[in-house]
Amino acid sequence: MELLTPILLILVGLGLIVIEVYLIPGFNVVGVLGFLLLLFAVGYVFVEEGLLWGTLSLIGTGAVAGSVFYYLWTSGAWERFILATNLKEDDERVAREHEYRAQYLGKEGHALTPLRPTGIVEIGGERIEVVTEGAFIATGSKVKVVAMDRRRYFVRLTEQEA
C-alpha cells in the first residue's frame, strides 16, 4: 500500500505529459507539472523505501516514460511541435521578381529629380527610384542603370553627358 502512492503519482505525471502533448501543446505548465510529479514520486520512493526500491522505481519510470514517448513519437503527436509550413520564399516568385527588376539593367533614361545621391528616373515610361554611384546628377540628365541590389538601382551619367 505504501508503494501505491508513488505509482499513482508516476501515472498521473505521465498522464499530464500526454495531455500536454495531445490536448494543449505549447502551454508547458501541465507538462512541467507532470515532470515534477515524476521526480517527486521517484524521490519519495528513494526516501521512504531505500536505495533498492528507489533504483527500481527510477528504472521502471524510465522504461514506462520511454515507451510512452516512443508511442507519442510513432503516433505523430510530436509533429504538432514542429512548424510544418515552409517559411522560405517561393523560389519561382523570387526568380520572376528578379527578372522583372533586371529588365532595367543597361537601360537609359533621364532624371526627373536631382539625384543627390537618390532620386527618381524615368526609363521606358516608368518611374523608378535610383541611387547614383556618389556623384550629383542634375534634373534632366541622361543616365544609365549600371547595377542593382535587392532594393535599389544604381545609375551613372551616360557617356554623351559626361
Protein backbone atom coordinates (compact mmCIF):
# COMPACT_ATOMS: atom_id res chain seq x y z
CA MET A 1 0.00 0.00 0.00
CA GLU A 2 2.93 2.32 0.65
CA LEU A 3 4.14 1.98 -2.96
CA LEU A 4 0.67 2.73 -4.32
CA THR A 5 1.06 6.49 -3.74
CA PRO A 6 4.27 6.90 -5.81
CA ILE A 7 2.92 4.58 -8.51
CA LEU A 8 -0.20 6.73 -8.78
CA LEU A 9 1.92 9.90 -8.81
CA ILE A 10 4.06 8.46 -11.62
CA LEU A 11 0.99 7.54 -13.64
CA VAL A 12 -0.58 10.96 -13.06
CA GLY A 13 2.70 12.64 -14.07
CA LEU A 14 2.91 10.63 -17.29
CA GLY A 15 -0.78 11.33 -17.92
CA LEU A 16 -0.17 15.07 -17.57
CA ILE A 17 2.69 14.89 -20.06
CA VAL A 18 0.47 13.00 -22.53
CA ILE A 19 -2.27 15.62 -22.03
CA GLU A 20 0.32 18.32 -22.70
CA VAL A 21 1.31 16.70 -25.97
CA TYR A 22 -2.15 15.82 -27.28
CA LEU A 23 -4.55 18.41 -25.94
CA ILE A 24 -2.74 21.61 -25.05
CA PRO A 25 0.62 21.71 -26.83
CA GLY A 26 2.71 24.79 -26.24
CA PHE A 27 1.17 25.64 -22.85
CA ASN A 28 4.02 23.93 -20.91
CA VAL A 29 2.56 24.26 -17.38
CA VAL A 30 0.82 20.89 -17.49
CA GLY A 31 3.88 19.12 -18.91
CA VAL A 32 6.22 20.70 -16.37
CA LEU A 33 3.83 19.74 -13.56
CA GLY A 34 3.81 16.14 -14.86
CA PHE A 35 7.60 16.06 -14.97
CA LEU A 36 7.80 17.44 -11.43
CA LEU A 37 5.34 14.76 -10.25
CA LEU A 38 7.59 12.10 -11.78
CA LEU A 39 10.63 13.49 -9.97
CA PHE A 40 8.75 13.79 -6.68
CA ALA A 41 7.41 10.24 -6.89
CA VAL A 42 10.82 8.71 -7.60
CA GLY A 43 12.40 10.84 -4.86
CA TYR A 44 9.65 9.78 -2.46
CA VAL A 45 10.41 6.10 -3.11
CA PHE A 46 14.14 6.69 -2.54
CA VAL A 47 13.45 8.39 0.80
CA GLU A 48 10.75 6.04 2.09
CA GLU A 49 11.81 2.64 0.74
CA GLY A 50 15.57 2.91 0.33
CA LEU A 51 18.13 2.61 -2.42
CA LEU A 52 16.97 -0.69 -3.95
CA TRP A 53 13.32 0.26 -4.38
CA GLY A 54 14.28 3.78 -5.40
CA THR A 55 16.54 2.45 -8.14
CA LEU A 56 13.86 0.02 -9.29
CA SER A 57 11.27 2.81 -9.38
CA LEU A 58 13.67 5.02 -11.35
CA ILE A 59 14.33 2.25 -13.89
CA GLY A 60 10.62 1.39 -14.09
CA THR A 61 9.61 5.03 -14.51
CA GLY A 62 12.25 5.46 -17.20
CA ALA A 63 11.04 2.38 -19.07
CA VAL A 64 7.38 3.39 -18.88
CA ALA A 65 8.17 7.00 -19.81
CA GLY A 66 10.35 5.81 -22.70
CA SER A 67 7.58 3.61 -24.06
CA VAL A 68 5.04 6.45 -23.71
CA PHE A 69 7.37 8.84 -25.55
CA TYR A 70 8.02 6.22 -28.23
CA TYR A 71 4.27 5.81 -28.70
CA LEU A 72 3.83 9.58 -28.93
CA TRP A 73 6.64 9.77 -31.47
CA THR A 74 5.27 7.00 -33.69
CA SER A 75 1.70 8.28 -33.46
CA GLY A 76 2.72 11.63 -34.93
CA ALA A 77 1.89 13.66 -31.83
CA TRP A 78 5.34 15.29 -31.85
CA GLU A 79 4.58 16.75 -35.30
CA ARG A 80 2.49 19.39 -33.52
CA PHE A 81 5.65 20.86 -32.07
CA ILE A 82 7.25 21.39 -35.47
CA LEU A 83 6.21 24.15 -37.85
CA ALA A 84 5.10 22.31 -40.98
CA THR A 85 4.84 25.28 -43.33
CA ASN A 86 7.87 26.44 -45.20
CA LEU A 87 8.95 29.95 -44.29
CA LYS A 88 11.35 30.25 -47.19
CA GLU A 89 10.27 32.45 -50.04
CA ASP A 90 8.85 30.84 -53.12
CA ASP A 91 11.83 30.35 -55.44
CA GLU A 92 9.76 30.88 -58.59
CA ARG A 93 8.33 34.13 -57.30
CA VAL A 94 11.79 35.38 -56.37
CA ALA A 95 13.10 34.45 -59.83
CA ARG A 96 10.20 36.26 -61.54
CA GLU A 97 10.77 39.34 -59.40
CA HIS A 98 14.49 39.28 -60.19
CA GLU A 99 13.74 39.02 -63.93
CA TYR A 100 11.30 41.91 -63.68
CA ARG A 101 13.81 44.05 -61.81
CA ALA A 102 16.67 43.04 -64.12
CA GLN A 103 14.84 44.46 -67.15
CA TYR A 104 16.19 47.91 -66.25
CA LEU A 105 19.86 46.87 -66.22
CA GLY A 106 21.74 48.63 -69.02
CA LYS A 107 18.72 50.79 -69.95
CA GLU A 108 18.98 54.54 -70.33
CA GLY A 109 16.59 57.18 -69.10
CA HIS A 110 16.53 60.71 -67.77
CA ALA A 111 16.48 62.10 -64.26
CA LEU A 112 13.14 63.55 -63.20
CA THR A 113 14.55 64.86 -59.93
CA PRO A 114 18.05 65.84 -58.87
CA LEU A 115 19.99 62.73 -57.88
CA ARG A 116 21.89 63.57 -54.71
CA PRO A 117 22.51 60.62 -54.49
CA THR A 118 18.92 59.29 -54.58
CA GLY A 119 16.12 60.43 -56.83
CA ILE A 120 13.58 59.45 -59.46
CA VAL A 121 14.43 58.45 -63.04
CA GLU A 122 12.11 57.70 -65.96
CA ILE A 123 13.08 54.68 -68.03
CA GLY A 124 10.80 53.42 -70.77
CA GLY A 125 7.86 55.40 -69.46
CA GLU A 126 8.21 54.05 -65.92
CA ARG A 127 9.41 55.97 -62.89
CA ILE A 128 11.86 54.19 -60.61
CA GLU A 129 13.84 55.28 -57.59
CA VAL A 130 17.58 55.09 -58.10
CA VAL A 131 20.88 55.86 -56.38
CA THR A 132 23.93 57.36 -58.04
CA GLU A 133 27.40 56.00 -57.55
CA GLY A 134 28.11 59.04 -55.40
CA ALA A 135 28.13 62.00 -57.79
CA PHE A 136 25.38 64.62 -58.05
CA ILE A 137 23.31 64.35 -61.23
CA ALA A 138 21.08 67.26 -62.26
CA THR A 139 17.44 67.03 -63.32
CA GLY A 140 17.01 66.14 -66.99
CA SER A 141 20.41 64.44 -67.33
CA LYS A 142 20.63 61.17 -69.24
CA VAL A 143 21.54 58.23 -67.01
CA LYS A 144 22.17 54.55 -67.42
CA VAL A 145 21.33 51.77 -64.92
CA VAL A 146 24.62 50.02 -64.18
CA ALA A 147 23.80 47.78 -61.22
CA MET A 148 21.11 46.69 -58.82
CA ASP A 149 20.81 45.01 -55.50
CA ARG A 150 17.74 43.71 -53.69
CA ARG A 151 16.28 47.15 -53.11
CA ARG A 152 17.97 49.73 -55.32
CA TYR A 153 19.14 50.52 -58.80
CA PHE A 154 22.47 52.28 -59.30
CA VAL A 155 22.90 54.77 -62.15
CA ARG A 156 25.63 56.94 -63.66
CA LEU A 157 25.72 59.63 -66.31
CA THR A 158 25.84 58.29 -69.86
CA GLU A 159 29.00 58.85 -71.88
CA GLN A 160 27.30 61.55 -74.00
CA GLU A 161 26.58 63.60 -70.88
CA ALA A 162 29.92 63.08 -69.19
